[in-house]
C-alpha atoms as a PDB file:
ATOM      1  CA  UNK A   1     163.196 102.294  19.862  1.00  0.00           C
ATOM      2  CA  UNK A   2     161.383 104.006  22.713  1.00  0.00           C
ATOM      3  CA  UNK A   3     159.026 105.946  20.477  1.00  0.00           C
ATOM      4  CA  UNK A   4     156.440 105.084  17.868  1.00  0.00           C
ATOM      5  CA  UNK A   5     154.784 106.891  14.974  1.00  0.00           C
ATOM      6  CA  UNK A   6     153.142 110.170  16.043  1.00  0.00           C
ATOM      7  CA  UNK A   7     155.464 110.424  19.090  1.00  0.00           C
ATOM      8  CA  UNK A   8     158.146 113.108  19.331  1.00  0.00           C
ATOM      9  CA  UNK A   9     161.527 111.851  18.156  1.00  0.00           C
ATOM     10  CA  UNK A  10     164.730 112.303  20.179  1.00  0.00           C
ATOM     11  CA  UNK A  11     166.954 115.329  19.771  1.00  0.00           C
ATOM     12  CA  UNK A  12     169.428 115.004  16.938  1.00  0.00           C
ATOM     13  CA  UNK A  13     172.390 117.323  16.508  1.00  0.00           C
ATOM     14  CA  UNK A  14     175.383 116.605  14.276  1.00  0.00           C
ATOM     15  CA  UNK A  15     178.070 118.431  12.363  1.00  0.00           C
ATOM     16  CA  UNK A  16     177.938 118.468   8.561  1.00  0.00           C
ATOM     17  CA  UNK A  17     180.768 117.991   6.097  1.00  0.00           C
ATOM     18  CA  UNK A  18     180.210 121.577   4.908  1.00  0.00           C
ATOM     19  CA  UNK A  19     181.236 122.780   8.372  1.00  0.00           C
ATOM     20  CA  UNK A  20     177.763 123.802   9.484  1.00  0.00           C
ATOM     21  CA  UNK A  21     175.946 122.283  12.453  1.00  0.00           C
ATOM     22  CA  UNK A  22     172.650 120.499  11.819  1.00  0.00           C
ATOM     23  CA  UNK A  23     169.881 120.376  14.406  1.00  0.00           C
ATOM     24  CA  UNK A  24     166.707 118.421  13.711  1.00  0.00           C
ATOM     25  CA  UNK A  25     164.616 120.848  15.773  1.00  0.00           C
ATOM     26  CA  UNK A  26     165.660 123.706  13.463  1.00  0.00           C
ATOM     27  CA  UNK A  27     164.520 121.983  10.266  1.00  0.00           C
ATOM     28  CA  UNK A  28     161.484 123.467   8.521  1.00  0.00           C
ATOM     29  CA  UNK A  29     160.551 121.182   5.613  1.00  0.00           C
ATOM     30  CA  UNK A  30     157.157 121.523   3.995  1.00  0.00           C
ATOM     31  CA  UNK A  31     156.346 117.876   4.738  1.00  0.00           C
ATOM     32  CA  UNK A  32     159.167 115.751   6.160  1.00  0.00           C
ATOM     33  CA  UNK A  33     162.803 115.537   7.132  1.00  0.00           C
ATOM     34  CA  UNK A  34     164.240 112.317   5.732  1.00  0.00           C
ATOM     35  CA  UNK A  35     167.011 111.055   8.011  1.00  0.00           C
ATOM     36  CA  UNK A  36     169.122 108.230   6.633  1.00  0.00           C
ATOM     37  CA  UNK A  37     171.549 106.745   9.124  1.00  0.00           C
ATOM     38  CA  UNK A  38     174.338 104.873   7.369  1.00  0.00           C
ATOM     39  CA  UNK A  39     177.162 102.674   8.645  1.00  0.00           C
ATOM     40  CA  UNK A  40     180.102 104.790   7.480  1.00  0.00           C
ATOM     41  CA  UNK A  41     183.007 104.980   5.060  1.00  0.00           C
ATOM     42  CA  UNK A  42     183.889 101.307   5.513  1.00  0.00           C
ATOM     43  CA  UNK A  43     180.568 100.139   4.020  1.00  0.00           C
ATOM     44  CA  UNK A  44     180.521  99.622   0.226  1.00  0.00           C
ATOM     45  CA  UNK A  45     176.771  98.995   0.278  1.00  0.00           C
ATOM     46  CA  UNK A  46     176.294 102.392   1.930  1.00  0.00           C
ATOM     47  CA  UNK A  47     178.170 103.985  -0.964  1.00  0.00           C
ATOM     48  CA  UNK A  48     175.632 102.725  -3.471  1.00  0.00           C
ATOM     49  CA  UNK A  49     172.738 103.525  -1.158  1.00  0.00           C
ATOM     50  CA  UNK A  50     173.831 107.131  -0.582  1.00  0.00           C
ATOM     51  CA  UNK A  51     174.426 107.603  -4.293  1.00  0.00           C
ATOM     52  CA  UNK A  52     170.868 106.373  -4.895  1.00  0.00           C
ATOM     53  CA  UNK A  53     169.651 108.906  -2.329  1.00  0.00           C
ATOM     54  CA  UNK A  54     171.726 111.672  -3.875  1.00  0.00           C
ATOM     55  CA  UNK A  55     170.102 110.894  -7.247  1.00  0.00           C
ATOM     56  CA  UNK A  56     166.689 111.463  -5.624  1.00  0.00           C
ATOM     57  CA  UNK A  57     167.522 114.653  -3.672  1.00  0.00           C
ATOM     58  CA  UNK A  58     165.892 117.010  -6.208  1.00  0.00           C
ATOM     59  CA  UNK A  59     162.767 114.854  -6.344  1.00  0.00           C
ATOM     60  CA  UNK A  60     162.490 114.724  -2.556  1.00  0.00           C
ATOM     61  CA  UNK A  61     162.993 118.474  -2.213  1.00  0.00           C
ATOM     62  CA  UNK A  62     160.341 119.110  -4.874  1.00  0.00           C
ATOM     63  CA  UNK A  63     157.954 117.134  -2.633  1.00  0.00           C
ATOM     64  CA  UNK A  64     158.857 119.205   0.440  1.00  0.00           C
ATOM     65  CA  UNK A  65     161.116 116.519   1.923  1.00  0.00           C
ATOM     66  CA  UNK A  66     164.588 117.514   3.140  1.00  0.00           C
ATOM     67  CA  UNK A  67     167.088 114.620   3.256  1.00  0.00           C
ATOM     68  CA  UNK A  68     170.255 114.167   5.283  1.00  0.00           C
ATOM     69  CA  UNK A  69     172.565 111.154   5.672  1.00  0.00           C
ATOM     70  CA  UNK A  70     174.260 110.700   9.051  1.00  0.00           C
ATOM     71  CA  UNK A  71     176.899 108.340  10.428  1.00  0.00           C
ATOM     72  CA  UNK A  72     178.997 107.832  13.526  1.00  0.00           C
ATOM     73  CA  UNK A  73     182.115 108.518  11.475  1.00  0.00           C
ATOM     74  CA  UNK A  74     184.643 111.165  12.441  1.00  0.00           C
ATOM     75  CA  UNK A  75     184.937 114.403  10.492  1.00  0.00           C
ATOM     76  CA  UNK A  76     187.942 113.043   8.598  1.00  0.00           C
ATOM     77  CA  UNK A  77     186.121 109.862   7.571  1.00  0.00           C
ATOM     78  CA  UNK A  78     182.966 111.798   6.629  1.00  0.00           C
ATOM     79  CA  UNK A  79     184.960 114.192   4.455  1.00  0.00           C
ATOM     80  CA  UNK A  80     186.670 111.207   2.835  1.00  0.00           C
ATOM     81  CA  UNK A  81     183.224 109.675   2.236  1.00  0.00           C
ATOM     82  CA  UNK A  82     181.966 112.820   0.512  1.00  0.00           C
ATOM     83  CA  UNK A  83     185.064 113.046  -1.669  1.00  0.00           C
ATOM     84  CA  UNK A  84     185.525 109.380  -2.583  1.00  0.00           C
ATOM     85  CA  UNK A  85     181.827 108.635  -3.039  1.00  0.00           C
ATOM     86  CA  UNK A  86     181.047 111.857  -4.923  1.00  0.00           C
ATOM     87  CA  UNK A  87     178.459 113.016  -2.392  1.00  0.00           C
ATOM     88  CA  UNK A  88     177.994 116.716  -3.106  1.00  0.00           C
ATOM     89  CA  UNK A  89     174.240 117.330  -3.373  1.00  0.00           C
ATOM     90  CA  UNK A  90     173.233 115.426  -0.243  1.00  0.00           C
ATOM     91  CA  UNK A  91     173.860 116.910   3.220  1.00  0.00           C
ATOM     92  CA  UNK A  92     176.228 114.587   5.054  1.00  0.00           C
ATOM     93  CA  UNK A  93     176.287 114.585   8.845  1.00  0.00           C
ATOM     94  CA  UNK A  94     178.853 112.928  11.064  1.00  0.00           C
ATOM     95  CA  UNK A  95     179.734 112.361  14.686  1.00  0.00           C
ATOM     96  CA  UNK A  96     176.529 110.590  15.708  1.00  0.00           C
ATOM     97  CA  UNK A  97     177.227 109.288  19.205  1.00  0.00           C
ATOM     98  CA  UNK A  98     176.424 105.671  19.926  1.00  0.00           C
ATOM     99  CA  UNK A  99     174.154 106.839  22.752  1.00  0.00           C
ATOM    100  CA  UNK A 100     172.191 108.982  20.288  1.00  0.00           C
ATOM    101  CA  UNK A 101     172.081 106.077  17.841  1.00  0.00           C
ATOM    102  CA  UNK A 102     170.582 103.890  20.573  1.00  0.00           C
ATOM    103  CA  UNK A 103     167.991 106.581  21.393  1.00  0.00           C
ATOM    104  CA  UNK A 104     166.905 106.373  17.760  1.00  0.00           C
ATOM    105  CA  UNK A 105     166.607 102.593  18.027  1.00  0.00           C
ATOM    106  CA  UNK A 106     169.595 101.869  15.813  1.00  0.00           C
ATOM    107  CA  UNK A 107     171.525  98.662  16.277  1.00  0.00           C
ATOM    108  CA  UNK A 108     175.213  98.906  17.170  1.00  0.00           C
ATOM    109  CA  UNK A 109     177.868  96.619  15.695  1.00  0.00           C
ATOM    110  CA  UNK A 110     181.456  95.845  16.609  1.00  0.00           C
ATOM    111  CA  UNK A 111     184.063  96.169  13.884  1.00  0.00           C
ATOM    112  CA  UNK A 112     185.164  92.850  12.410  1.00  0.00           C
ATOM    113  CA  UNK A 113     188.305  94.049  10.602  1.00  0.00           C
ATOM    114  CA  UNK A 114     190.765  96.938  10.574  1.00  0.00           C
ATOM    115  CA  UNK A 115     188.716  98.903   8.006  1.00  0.00           C
ATOM    116  CA  UNK A 116     185.739  99.161  10.353  1.00  0.00           C
ATOM    117  CA  UNK A 117     185.496 101.418  13.402  1.00  0.00           C
ATOM    118  CA  UNK A 118     185.531  99.670  16.778  1.00  0.00           C
ATOM    119  CA  UNK A 119     181.777 100.380  17.131  1.00  0.00           C
ATOM    120  CA  UNK A 120     179.288 101.923  14.694  1.00  0.00           C
ATOM    121  CA  UNK A 121     175.556 102.154  14.137  1.00  0.00           C
ATOM    122  CA  UNK A 122     173.664 100.070  11.612  1.00  0.00           C
ATOM    123  CA  UNK A 123     171.335 101.669   9.031  1.00  0.00           C
ATOM    124  CA  UNK A 124     168.009 103.311   9.668  1.00  0.00           C
ATOM    125  CA  UNK A 125     165.610 105.541   7.745  1.00  0.00           C
ATOM    126  CA  UNK A 126     163.219 107.950   9.439  1.00  0.00           C
ATOM    127  CA  UNK A 127     160.604 110.364   8.147  1.00  0.00           C
ATOM    128  CA  UNK A 128     160.000 113.115  10.685  1.00  0.00           C
ATOM    129  CA  UNK A 129     157.179 115.638  10.406  1.00  0.00           C
ATOM    130  CA  UNK A 130     157.915 119.360  10.783  1.00  0.00           C
ATOM    131  CA  UNK A 131     156.416 119.202  14.303  1.00  0.00           C
ATOM    132  CA  UNK A 132     159.160 116.732  15.319  1.00  0.00           C
ATOM    133  CA  UNK A 133     156.986 113.622  15.430  1.00  0.00           C
ATOM    134  CA  UNK A 134     157.791 110.324  13.785  1.00  0.00           C
ATOM    135  CA  UNK A 135     155.894 109.491  10.603  1.00  0.00           C
ATOM    136  CA  UNK A 136     157.724 106.328   9.503  1.00  0.00           C
ATOM    137  CA  UNK A 137     160.838 104.315  10.321  1.00  0.00           C
ATOM    138  CA  UNK A 138     162.839 101.397   8.986  1.00  0.00           C
ATOM    139  CA  UNK A 139     165.737 100.020  11.021  1.00  0.00           C
ATOM    140  CA  UNK A 140     168.201  97.318   9.888  1.00  0.00           C
ATOM    141  CA  UNK A 141     170.593  95.080  11.798  1.00  0.00           C
ATOM    142  CA  UNK A 142     173.015  94.904   8.862  1.00  0.00           C
ATOM    143  CA  UNK A 143     173.665  96.703   5.560  1.00  0.00           C
ATOM    144  CA  UNK A 144     171.224  94.666   3.461  1.00  0.00           C
ATOM    145  CA  UNK A 145     167.511  95.005   2.574  1.00  0.00           C
ATOM    146  CA  UNK A 146     167.049  98.761   2.897  1.00  0.00           C
ATOM    147  CA  UNK A 147     164.059 100.739   1.562  1.00  0.00           C
ATOM    148  CA  UNK A 148     164.255 101.952  -2.044  1.00  0.00           C
ATOM    149  CA  UNK A 149     164.397 105.730  -2.387  1.00  0.00           C
ATOM    150  CA  UNK A 150     162.550 105.640  -5.713  1.00  0.00           C
ATOM    151  CA  UNK A 151     159.728 103.644  -4.117  1.00  0.00           C
ATOM    152  CA  UNK A 152     159.704 105.982  -1.126  1.00  0.00           C
ATOM    153  CA  UNK A 153     159.535 109.051  -3.372  1.00  0.00           C
ATOM    154  CA  UNK A 154     156.611 107.511  -5.239  1.00  0.00           C
ATOM    155  CA  UNK A 155     154.827 106.569  -2.000  1.00  0.00           C
ATOM    156  CA  UNK A 156     155.276 110.112  -0.692  1.00  0.00           C
ATOM    157  CA  UNK A 157     153.162 111.415  -3.570  1.00  0.00           C
ATOM    158  CA  UNK A 158     150.252 109.377  -2.192  1.00  0.00           C
ATOM    159  CA  UNK A 159     151.051 110.207   1.452  1.00  0.00           C
ATOM    160  CA  UNK A 160     151.167 113.949   0.809  1.00  0.00           C
ATOM    161  CA  UNK A 161     148.275 114.046  -1.657  1.00  0.00           C
ATOM    162  CA  UNK A 162     145.922 112.029   0.584  1.00  0.00           C
ATOM    163  CA  UNK A 163     147.273 113.337   3.912  1.00  0.00           C
ATOM    164  CA  UNK A 164     147.775 109.683   4.809  1.00  0.00           C
ATOM    165  CA  UNK A 165     148.251 109.259   8.578  1.00  0.00           C
ATOM    166  CA  UNK A 166     151.232 107.675  10.282  1.00  0.00           C
ATOM    167  CA  UNK A 167     150.654 103.979  10.898  1.00  0.00           C
ATOM    168  CA  UNK A 168     151.969 101.740  13.662  1.00  0.00           C
ATOM    169  CA  UNK A 169     150.935 104.199  16.365  1.00  0.00           C
ATOM    170  CA  UNK A 170     148.711 101.828  18.359  1.00  0.00           C
ATOM    171  CA  UNK A 171     150.273 100.603  21.596  1.00  0.00           C
END
């Protein structure tokens, strides 16, 4: 990752399953945009993780946090994800290029079986302030050990209430 907390994050533009484009720079949340990068349709752990996120969407929005989940999947695979996983309340983006994934500091994996794409990005979670700067990030090299959305939602109460600064900004 070539940026740290309080730095501007890279551009991020993807298509959404609902047919609308999504541009990070156009987002206007009260407090944060929550970007969750997931591995794709082939990942059963991602299914549970995105369902956990979907269950927290109302809570996040009530806190002024707008979530989106994004993968490198094609439109067809993303639409299949939404349908098969029951993702209907969570914006689902697709078509993340591997170059863009690298700009965000995501790890890239090679598929190990016919169910996996040839290359795809590993998970990451980013909180971005309305001014386009990074507040917090968590990046994984594999599908395991991701942050809990319930814990994050609880922590955001403190962060927002106390105007807690981004940490990890020192060079």
